[in-house]
Amino acid sequence: MSSPWWRQFPKTESRRPRQPTSGDQPHLAPGDLVRLREKPERFRRVLNVEWHYHRHEYVYIVETSATRFAPYWFHAQLLPEPDRTLA
């Protein structure tokens, strides 16, 4: 059985939120294709990139079946697919 998602990555959260600086650049852009590490059988497109004020890193909203909210993933939870395009 796998660990809950929040235990799979090092704790880097801070109670002091901050804005991104010029040195903070996203790894992915809207339109890039990725796979979720936990569900790698399907390609998904990055829909939006947002700054996570407490983790001090970018998060990625990708295509999912969610309808009530837009779930996001950290870069470490994604497998980028730079050479694939969706048909």
PDB file of N, CA and C in Angstrom:
ATOM      1  N   MET A   1       0.850  -1.181   0.000  1.00  0.00           N
ATOM      2  CA  MET A   1       0.000   0.000   0.000  1.00  0.00           C
ATOM      3  C   MET A   1       0.893   1.241   0.000  1.00  0.00           C
ATOM      4  N   SER A   2       0.545   2.211  -0.829  1.00  0.00           N
ATOM      5  CA  SER A   2       1.367   3.414  -0.909  1.00  0.00           C
ATOM      6  C   SER A   2       1.004   4.392   0.201  1.00  0.00           C
ATOM      7  N   SER A   3       1.934   5.272   0.496  1.00  0.00           N
ATOM      8  CA  SER A   3       1.726   6.304   1.512  1.00  0.00           C
ATOM      9  C   SER A   3       0.786   7.371   0.986  1.00  0.00           C
ATOM     10  N   PRO A   4       0.136   8.103   1.873  1.00  0.00           N
ATOM     11  CA  PRO A   4      -0.657   9.241   1.404  1.00  0.00           C
ATOM     12  C   PRO A   4       0.233  10.187   0.612  1.00  0.00           C
ATOM     13  N   TRP A   5      -0.331  10.895  -0.348  1.00  0.00           N
ATOM     14  CA  TRP A   5       0.478  11.710  -1.248  1.00  0.00           C
ATOM     15  C   TRP A   5       1.332  12.726  -0.522  1.00  0.00           C
ATOM     16  N   TRP A   6       0.835  13.281   0.602  1.00  0.00           N
ATOM     17  CA  TRP A   6       1.591  14.329   1.286  1.00  0.00           C
ATOM     18  C   TRP A   6       2.826  13.787   2.011  1.00  0.00           C
ATOM     19  N   ARG A   7       2.923  12.468   2.174  1.00  0.00           N
ATOM     20  CA  ARG A   7       4.101  11.882   2.807  1.00  0.00           C
ATOM     21  C   ARG A   7       5.121  11.395   1.787  1.00  0.00           C
ATOM     22  N   GLN A   8       4.813  11.477   0.518  1.00  0.00           N
ATOM     23  CA  GLN A   8       5.707  10.984  -0.521  1.00  0.00           C
ATOM     24  C   GLN A   8       6.788  11.985  -0.881  1.00  0.00           C
ATOM     25  N   PHE A   9       6.685  13.195  -0.402  1.00  0.00           N
ATOM     26  CA  PHE A   9       7.618  14.239  -0.776  1.00  0.00           C
ATOM     27  C   PHE A   9       8.142  14.931   0.467  1.00  0.00           C
ATOM     28  N   PRO A  10       9.363  15.434   0.422  1.00  0.00           N
ATOM     29  CA  PRO A  10       9.934  16.099   1.600  1.00  0.00           C
ATOM     30  C   PRO A  10       9.083  17.276   2.050  1.00  0.00           C
ATOM     31  N   LYS A  11       9.007  17.463   3.344  1.00  0.00           N
ATOM     32  CA  LYS A  11       8.235  18.586   3.874  1.00  0.00           C
ATOM     33  C   LYS A  11       9.024  19.869   3.646  1.00  0.00           C
ATOM     34  N   THR A  12       8.468  20.734   2.846  1.00  0.00           N
ATOM     35  CA  THR A  12       9.129  22.001   2.544  1.00  0.00           C
ATOM     36  C   THR A  12       8.207  23.180   2.797  1.00  0.00           C
ATOM     37  N   GLU A  13       7.085  22.931   3.418  1.00  0.00           N
ATOM     38  CA  GLU A  13       6.126  24.007   3.625  1.00  0.00           C
ATOM     39  C   GLU A  13       6.631  25.007   4.643  1.00  0.00           C
ATOM     40  N   SER A  14       6.173  26.215   4.500  1.00  0.00           N
ATOM     41  CA  SER A  14       6.536  27.289   5.404  1.00  0.00           C
ATOM     42  C   SER A  14       5.258  28.006   5.814  1.00  0.00           C
ATOM     43  N   ARG A  15       5.234  28.460   7.024  1.00  0.00           N
ATOM     44  CA  ARG A  15       4.080  29.250   7.461  1.00  0.00           C
ATOM     45  C   ARG A  15       4.176  30.675   6.957  1.00  0.00           C
ATOM     46  N   ARG A  16       5.327  31.002   6.362  1.00  0.00           N
ATOM     47  CA  ARG A  16       5.526  32.338   5.833  1.00  0.00           C
ATOM     48  C   ARG A  16       5.351  32.305   4.321  1.00  0.00           C
ATOM     49  N   PRO A  17       4.178  32.662   3.835  1.00  0.00           N
ATOM     50  CA  PRO A  17       3.980  32.654   2.385  1.00  0.00           C
ATOM     51  C   PRO A  17       4.862  33.688   1.714  1.00  0.00           C
ATOM     52  N   ARG A  18       5.209  33.423   0.467  1.00  0.00           N
ATOM     53  CA  ARG A  18       5.989  34.396  -0.291  1.00  0.00           C
ATOM     54  C   ARG A  18       5.607  34.346  -1.756  1.00  0.00           C
ATOM     55  N   GLN A  19       5.827  35.446  -2.410  1.00  0.00           N
ATOM     56  CA  GLN A  19       5.604  35.555  -3.847  1.00  0.00           C
ATOM     57  C   GLN A  19       6.786  34.918  -4.573  1.00  0.00           C
ATOM     58  N   PRO A  20       6.590  34.475  -5.807  1.00  0.00           N
ATOM     59  CA  PRO A  20       7.726  33.931  -6.558  1.00  0.00           C
ATOM     60  C   PRO A  20       8.725  35.045  -6.893  1.00  0.00           C
ATOM     61  N   THR A  21       9.996  34.672  -6.948  1.00  0.00           N
ATOM     62  CA  THR A  21      11.044  35.625  -7.321  1.00  0.00           C
ATOM     63  C   THR A  21      11.458  35.352  -8.764  1.00  0.00           C
ATOM     64  N   SER A  22      12.355  36.164  -9.275  1.00  0.00           N
ATOM     65  CA  SER A  22      12.800  35.973 -10.661  1.00  0.00           C
ATOM     66  C   SER A  22      13.540  34.651 -10.835  1.00  0.00           C
ATOM     67  N   GLY A  23      14.080  34.087  -9.756  1.00  0.00           N
ATOM     68  CA  GLY A  23      14.763  32.798  -9.834  1.00  0.00           C
ATOM     69  C   GLY A  23      13.816  31.611  -9.831  1.00  0.00           C
ATOM     70  N   ASP A  24      12.564  31.817  -9.503  1.00  0.00           N
ATOM     71  CA  ASP A  24      11.561  30.745  -9.484  1.00  0.00           C
ATOM     72  C   ASP A  24      10.924  30.645 -10.857  1.00  0.00           C
ATOM     73  N   GLN A  25      11.212  29.582 -11.559  1.00  0.00           N
ATOM     74  CA  GLN A  25      10.650  29.377 -12.890  1.00  0.00           C
ATOM     75  C   GLN A  25       9.919  28.037 -12.922  1.00  0.00           C
ATOM     76  N   PRO A  26       8.739  27.974 -13.538  1.00  0.00           N
ATOM     77  CA  PRO A  26       8.032  26.691 -13.634  1.00  0.00           C
ATOM     78  C   PRO A  26       8.775  25.727 -14.555  1.00  0.00           C
ATOM     79  N   HIS A  27       8.679  24.448 -14.250  1.00  0.00           N
ATOM     80  CA  HIS A  27       9.293  23.403 -15.075  1.00  0.00           C
ATOM     81  C   HIS A  27       8.450  23.094 -16.304  1.00  0.00           C
ATOM     82  N   LEU A  28       7.143  23.329 -16.201  1.00  0.00           N
ATOM     83  CA  LEU A  28       6.196  23.002 -17.263  1.00  0.00           C
ATOM     84  C   LEU A  28       5.375  24.225 -17.616  1.00  0.00           C
ATOM     85  N   ALA A  29       4.756  24.178 -18.786  1.00  0.00           N
ATOM     86  CA  ALA A  29       3.907  25.279 -19.240  1.00  0.00           C
ATOM     87  C   ALA A  29       2.540  24.729 -19.643  1.00  0.00           C
ATOM     88  N   PRO A  30       1.509  25.572 -19.665  1.00  0.00           N
ATOM     89  CA  PRO A  30       0.207  25.103 -20.148  1.00  0.00           C
ATOM     90  C   PRO A  30       0.358  24.507 -21.548  1.00  0.00           C
ATOM     91  N   GLY A  31      -0.280  23.370 -21.750  1.00  0.00           N
ATOM     92  CA  GLY A  31      -0.199  22.671 -23.025  1.00  0.00           C
ATOM     93  C   GLY A  31       0.795  21.522 -23.025  1.00  0.00           C
ATOM     94  N   ASP A  32       1.744  21.502 -22.080  1.00  0.00           N
ATOM     95  CA  ASP A  32       2.696  20.395 -21.995  1.00  0.00           C
ATOM     96  C   ASP A  32       1.969  19.109 -21.609  1.00  0.00           C
ATOM     97  N   LEU A  33       2.486  17.986 -22.076  1.00  0.00           N
ATOM     98  CA  LEU A  33       1.905  16.687 -21.738  1.00  0.00           C
ATOM     99  C   LEU A  33       2.675  16.047 -20.602  1.00  0.00           C
ATOM    100  N   VAL A  34       1.931  15.446 -19.679  1.00  0.00           N
ATOM    101  CA  VAL A  34       2.518  14.773 -18.520  1.00  0.00           C
ATOM    102  C   VAL A  34       1.740  13.496 -18.246  1.00  0.00           C
ATOM    103  N   ARG A  35       2.311  12.680 -17.387  1.00  0.00           N
ATOM    104  CA  ARG A  35       1.616  11.537 -16.793  1.00  0.00           C
ATOM    105  C   ARG A  35       1.701  11.721 -15.283  1.00  0.00           C
ATOM    106  N   LEU A  36       0.680  11.294 -14.567  1.00  0.00           N
ATOM    107  CA  LEU A  36       0.738  11.300 -13.107  1.00  0.00           C
ATOM    108  C   LEU A  36       1.572  10.099 -12.675  1.00  0.00           C
ATOM    109  N   ARG A  37       2.499  10.277 -11.745  1.00  0.00           N
ATOM    110  CA  ARG A  37       3.330   9.154 -11.283  1.00  0.00           C
ATOM    111  C   ARG A  37       2.481   8.006 -10.757  1.00  0.00           C
ATOM    112  N   GLU A  38       1.389   8.311 -10.095  1.00  0.00           N
ATOM    113  CA  GLU A  38       0.528   7.272  -9.519  1.00  0.00           C
ATOM    114  C   GLU A  38      -0.409   6.628 -10.545  1.00  0.00           C
ATOM    115  N   LYS A  39      -0.625   7.284 -11.690  1.00  0.00           N
ATOM    116  CA  LYS A  39      -1.490   6.756 -12.753  1.00  0.00           C
ATOM    117  C   LYS A  39      -0.830   7.025 -14.101  1.00  0.00           C
ATOM    118  N   PRO A  40       0.273   6.348 -14.407  1.00  0.00           N
ATOM    119  CA  PRO A  40       1.051   6.681 -15.602  1.00  0.00           C
ATOM    120  C   PRO A  40       0.473   6.184 -16.925  1.00  0.00           C
ATOM    121  N   GLU A  41      -0.635   5.460 -16.896  1.00  0.00           N
ATOM    122  CA  GLU A  41      -1.164   4.890 -18.133  1.00  0.00           C
ATOM    123  C   GLU A  41      -1.795   5.915 -19.072  1.00  0.00           C
ATOM    124  N   ARG A  42      -2.040   7.124 -18.612  1.00  0.00           N
ATOM    125  CA  ARG A  42      -2.747   8.113 -19.426  1.00  0.00           C
ATOM    126  C   ARG A  42      -1.965   9.415 -19.539  1.00  0.00           C
ATOM    127  N   PHE A  43      -1.943   9.977 -20.746  1.00  0.00           N
ATOM    128  CA  PHE A  43      -1.357  11.296 -20.948  1.00  0.00           C
ATOM    129  C   PHE A  43      -2.369  12.353 -20.542  1.00  0.00           C
ATOM    130  N   ARG A  44      -1.867  13.431 -19.962  1.00  0.00           N
ATOM    131  CA  ARG A  44      -2.730  14.543 -19.563  1.00  0.00           C
ATOM    132  C   ARG A  44      -2.048  15.849 -19.958  1.00  0.00           C
ATOM    133  N   ARG A  45      -2.839  16.842 -20.242  1.00  0.00           N
ATOM    134  CA  ARG A  45      -2.308  18.140 -20.640  1.00  0.00           C
ATOM    135  C   ARG A  45      -2.312  19.082 -19.438  1.00  0.00           C
ATOM    136  N   VAL A  46      -1.238  19.850 -19.284  1.00  0.00           N
ATOM    137  CA  VAL A  46      -1.183  20.874 -18.238  1.00  0.00           C
ATOM    138  C   VAL A  46      -2.118  22.003 -18.663  1.00  0.00           C
ATOM    139  N   LEU A  47      -3.065  22.339 -17.803  1.00  0.00           N
ATOM    140  CA  LEU A  47      -4.037  23.387 -18.103  1.00  0.00           C
ATOM    141  C   LEU A  47      -3.607  24.751 -17.570  1.00  0.00           C
ATOM    142  N   ASN A  48      -2.953  24.742 -16.407  1.00  0.00           N
ATOM    143  CA  ASN A  48      -2.582  25.999 -15.773  1.00  0.00           C
ATOM    144  C   ASN A  48      -1.412  25.765 -14.825  1.00  0.00           C
ATOM    145  N   VAL A  49      -0.643  26.818 -14.582  1.00  0.00           N
ATOM    146  CA  VAL A  49       0.482  26.788 -13.647  1.00  0.00           C
ATOM    147  C   VAL A  49       0.244  27.882 -12.625  1.00  0.00           C
ATOM    148  N   GLU A  50       0.342  27.532 -11.338  1.00  0.00           N
ATOM    149  CA  GLU A  50       0.109  28.508 -10.264  1.00  0.00           C
ATOM    150  C   GLU A  50       1.203  28.389  -9.220  1.00  0.00           C
ATOM    151  N   TRP A  51       1.449  29.462  -8.515  1.00  0.00           N
ATOM    152  CA  TRP A  51       2.438  29.486  -7.447  1.00  0.00           C
ATOM    153  C   TRP A  51       1.789  29.015  -6.149  1.00  0.00           C
ATOM    154  N   HIS A  52       2.454  28.101  -5.436  1.00  0.00           N
ATOM    155  CA  HIS A  52       1.975  27.625  -4.133  1.00  0.00           C
ATOM    156  C   HIS A  52       2.718  28.440  -3.075  1.00  0.00           C
ATOM    157  N   TYR A  53       2.016  29.328  -2.412  1.00  0.00           N
ATOM    158  CA  TYR A  53       2.634  30.300  -1.524  1.00  0.00           C
ATOM    159  C   TYR A  53       3.296  29.693  -0.293  1.00  0.00           C
ATOM    160  N   HIS A  54       2.845  28.531   0.141  1.00  0.00           N
ATOM    161  CA  HIS A  54       3.424  27.920   1.335  1.00  0.00           C
ATOM    162  C   HIS A  54       4.503  26.895   1.014  1.00  0.00           C
ATOM    163  N   ARG A  55       4.416  26.247  -0.133  1.00  0.00           N
ATOM    164  CA  ARG A  55       5.463  25.305  -0.537  1.00  0.00           C
ATOM    165  C   ARG A  55       6.587  25.995  -1.297  1.00  0.00           C
ATOM    166  N   HIS A  56       6.348  27.216  -1.707  1.00  0.00           N
ATOM    167  CA  HIS A  56       7.333  28.017  -2.446  1.00  0.00           C
ATOM    168  C   HIS A  56       7.782  27.318  -3.720  1.00  0.00           C
ATOM    169  N   GLU A  57       6.815  26.772  -4.433  1.00  0.00           N
ATOM    170  CA  GLU A  57       7.093  26.168  -5.734  1.00  0.00           C
ATOM    171  C   GLU A  57       5.824  26.201  -6.572  1.00  0.00           C
ATOM    172  N   TYR A  58       5.994  25.971  -7.861  1.00  0.00           N
ATOM    173  CA  TYR A  58       4.841  25.985  -8.758  1.00  0.00           C
ATOM    174  C   TYR A  58       4.074  24.672  -8.662  1.00  0.00           C
ATOM    175  N   VAL A  59       2.769  24.757  -8.854  1.00  0.00           N
ATOM    176  CA  VAL A  59       1.905  23.583  -8.942  1.00  0.00           C
ATOM    177  C   VAL A  59       1.252  23.594 -10.316  1.00  0.00           C
ATOM    178  N   TYR A  60       0.837  22.418 -10.750  1.00  0.00           N
ATOM    179  CA  TYR A  60       0.325  22.249 -12.105  1.00  0.00           C
ATOM    180  C   TYR A  60      -1.072  21.658 -12.059  1.00  0.00           C
ATOM    181  N   ILE A  61      -2.003  22.351 -12.697  1.00  0.00           N
ATOM    182  CA  ILE A  61      -3.368  21.849 -12.829  1.00  0.00           C
ATOM    183  C   ILE A  61      -3.413  21.113 -14.162  1.00  0.00           C
ATOM    184  N   VAL A  62      -3.791  19.830 -14.120  1.00  0.00           N
ATOM    185  CA  VAL A  62      -3.813  19.025 -15.333  1.00  0.00           C
ATOM    186  C   VAL A  62      -5.218  18.492 -15.580  1.00  0.00           C
ATOM    187  N   GLU A  63      -5.448  18.009 -16.780  1.00  0.00           N
ATOM    188  CA  GLU A  63      -6.753  17.448 -17.149  1.00  0.00           C
ATOM    189  C   GLU A  63      -7.071  16.258 -16.252  1.00  0.00           C
ATOM    190  N   THR A  64      -8.241  16.295 -15.660  1.00  0.00           N
ATOM    191  CA  THR A  64      -8.741  15.171 -14.863  1.00  0.00           C
ATOM    192  C   THR A  64     -10.250  15.098 -15.043  1.00  0.00           C
ATOM    193  N   SER A  65     -10.837  14.111 -14.406  1.00  0.00           N
ATOM    194  CA  SER A  65     -12.292  13.989 -14.459  1.00  0.00           C
ATOM    195  C   SER A  65     -12.970  14.800 -13.356  1.00  0.00           C
ATOM    196  N   ALA A  66     -12.211  15.498 -12.521  1.00  0.00           N
ATOM    197  CA  ALA A  66     -12.782  16.303 -11.436  1.00  0.00           C
ATOM    198  C   ALA A  66     -13.660  17.402 -12.019  1.00  0.00           C
ATOM    199  N   THR A  67     -14.820  17.607 -11.406  1.00  0.00           N
ATOM    200  CA  THR A  67     -15.739  18.637 -11.902  1.00  0.00           C
ATOM    201  C   THR A  67     -15.985  19.744 -10.881  1.00  0.00           C
ATOM    202  N   ARG A  68     -15.781  19.468  -9.606  1.00  0.00           N
ATOM    203  CA  ARG A  68     -16.078  20.467  -8.578  1.00  0.00           C
ATOM    204  C   ARG A  68     -14.891  21.348  -8.223  1.00  0.00           C
ATOM    205  N   PHE A  69     -13.684  20.889  -8.523  1.00  0.00           N
ATOM    206  CA  PHE A  69     -12.492  21.660  -8.191  1.00  0.00           C
ATOM    207  C   PHE A  69     -11.396  21.305  -9.188  1.00  0.00           C
ATOM    208  N   ALA A  70     -10.345  22.073  -9.185  1.00  0.00           N
ATOM    209  CA  ALA A  70      -9.215  21.831 -10.090  1.00  0.00           C
ATOM    210  C   ALA A  70      -8.043  21.306  -9.262  1.00  0.00           C
ATOM    211  N   PRO A  71      -7.875  19.991  -9.188  1.00  0.00           N
ATOM    212  CA  PRO A  71      -6.767  19.453  -8.389  1.00  0.00           C
ATOM    213  C   PRO A  71      -5.426  19.818  -9.016  1.00  0.00           C
ATOM    214  N   TYR A  72      -4.418  19.957  -8.158  1.00  0.00           N
ATOM    215  CA  TYR A  72      -3.096  20.309  -8.661  1.00  0.00           C
ATOM    216  C   TYR A  72      -2.062  19.309  -8.185  1.00  0.00           C
ATOM    217  N   TRP A  73      -0.947  19.289  -8.897  1.00  0.00           N
ATOM    218  CA  TRP A  73       0.165  18.400  -8.579  1.00  0.00           C
ATOM    219  C   TRP A  73       1.450  19.203  -8.562  1.00  0.00           C
ATOM    220  N   PHE A  74       2.412  18.736  -7.749  1.00  0.00           N
ATOM    221  CA  PHE A  74       3.744  19.311  -7.736  1.00  0.00           C
ATOM    222  C   PHE A  74       4.563  18.620  -8.826  1.00  0.00           C
ATOM    223  N   HIS A  75       5.620  19.264  -9.263  1.00  0.00           N
ATOM    224  CA  HIS A  75       6.442  18.725 -10.349  1.00  0.00           C
ATOM    225  C   HIS A  75       6.929  17.306 -10.034  1.00  0.00           C
ATOM    226  N   ALA A  76       7.277  17.024  -8.789  1.00  0.00           N
ATOM    227  CA  ALA A  76       7.772  15.701  -8.403  1.00  0.00           C
ATOM    228  C   ALA A  76       6.709  14.613  -8.569  1.00  0.00           C
ATOM    229  N   GLN A  77       5.451  14.979  -8.672  1.00  0.00           N
ATOM    230  CA  GLN A  77       4.368  14.007  -8.833  1.00  0.00           C
ATOM    231  C   GLN A  77       4.038  13.743 -10.300  1.00  0.00           C
ATOM    232  N   LEU A  78       4.736  14.413 -11.204  1.00  0.00           N
ATOM    233  CA  LEU A  78       4.427  14.317 -12.630  1.00  0.00           C
ATOM    234  C   LEU A  78       5.603  13.744 -13.415  1.00  0.00           C
ATOM    235  N   LEU A  79       5.276  13.093 -14.516  1.00  0.00           N
ATOM    236  CA  LEU A  79       6.268  12.586 -15.458  1.00  0.00           C
ATOM    237  C   LEU A  79       6.089  13.350 -16.761  1.00  0.00           C
ATOM    238  N   PRO A  80       6.963  14.316 -17.048  1.00  0.00           N
ATOM    239  CA  PRO A  80       6.817  15.089 -18.288  1.00  0.00           C
ATOM    240  C   PRO A  80       7.017  14.211 -19.523  1.00  0.00           C
ATOM    241  N   GLU A  81       6.272  14.497 -20.572  1.00  0.00           N
ATOM    242  CA  GLU A  81       6.358  13.780 -21.845  1.00  0.00           C
ATOM    243  C   GLU A  81       6.647  14.797 -22.943  1.00  0.00           C
ATOM    244  N   PRO A  82       7.902  15.245 -23.082  1.00  0.00           N
ATOM    245  CA  PRO A  82       8.184  16.353 -23.997  1.00  0.00           C
ATOM    246  C   PRO A  82       8.015  16.030 -25.463  1.00  0.00           C
ATOM    247  N   ASP A  83       8.086  14.762 -25.863  1.00  0.00           N
ATOM    248  CA  ASP A  83       8.039  14.418 -27.300  1.00  0.00           C
ATOM    249  C   ASP A  83       6.694  13.867 -27.739  1.00  0.00           C
ATOM    250  N   ARG A  84       5.673  13.900 -26.879  1.00  0.00           N
ATOM    251  CA  ARG A  84       4.365  13.354 -27.235  1.00  0.00           C
ATOM    252  C   ARG A  84       3.379  14.471 -27.498  1.00  0.00           C
ATOM    253  N   THR A  85       2.486  14.241 -28.421  1.00  0.00           N
ATOM    254  CA  THR A  85       1.370  15.168 -28.632  1.00  0.00           C
ATOM    255  C   THR A  85       0.089  14.360 -28.605  1.00  0.00           C
ATOM    256  N   LEU A  86      -0.979  14.966 -28.157  1.00  0.00           N
ATOM    257  CA  LEU A  86      -2.281  14.292 -28.136  1.00  0.00           C
ATOM    258  C   LEU A  86      -2.887  14.357 -29.539  1.00  0.00           C
ATOM    259  N   ALA A  87      -3.504  13.288 -29.932  1.00  0.00           N
ATOM    260  CA  ALA A  87      -4.153  13.253 -31.252  1.00  0.00           C
ATOM    261  C   ALA A  87      -5.480  13.968 -31.200  1.00  0.00           C
TER     262      ALA A  87
END
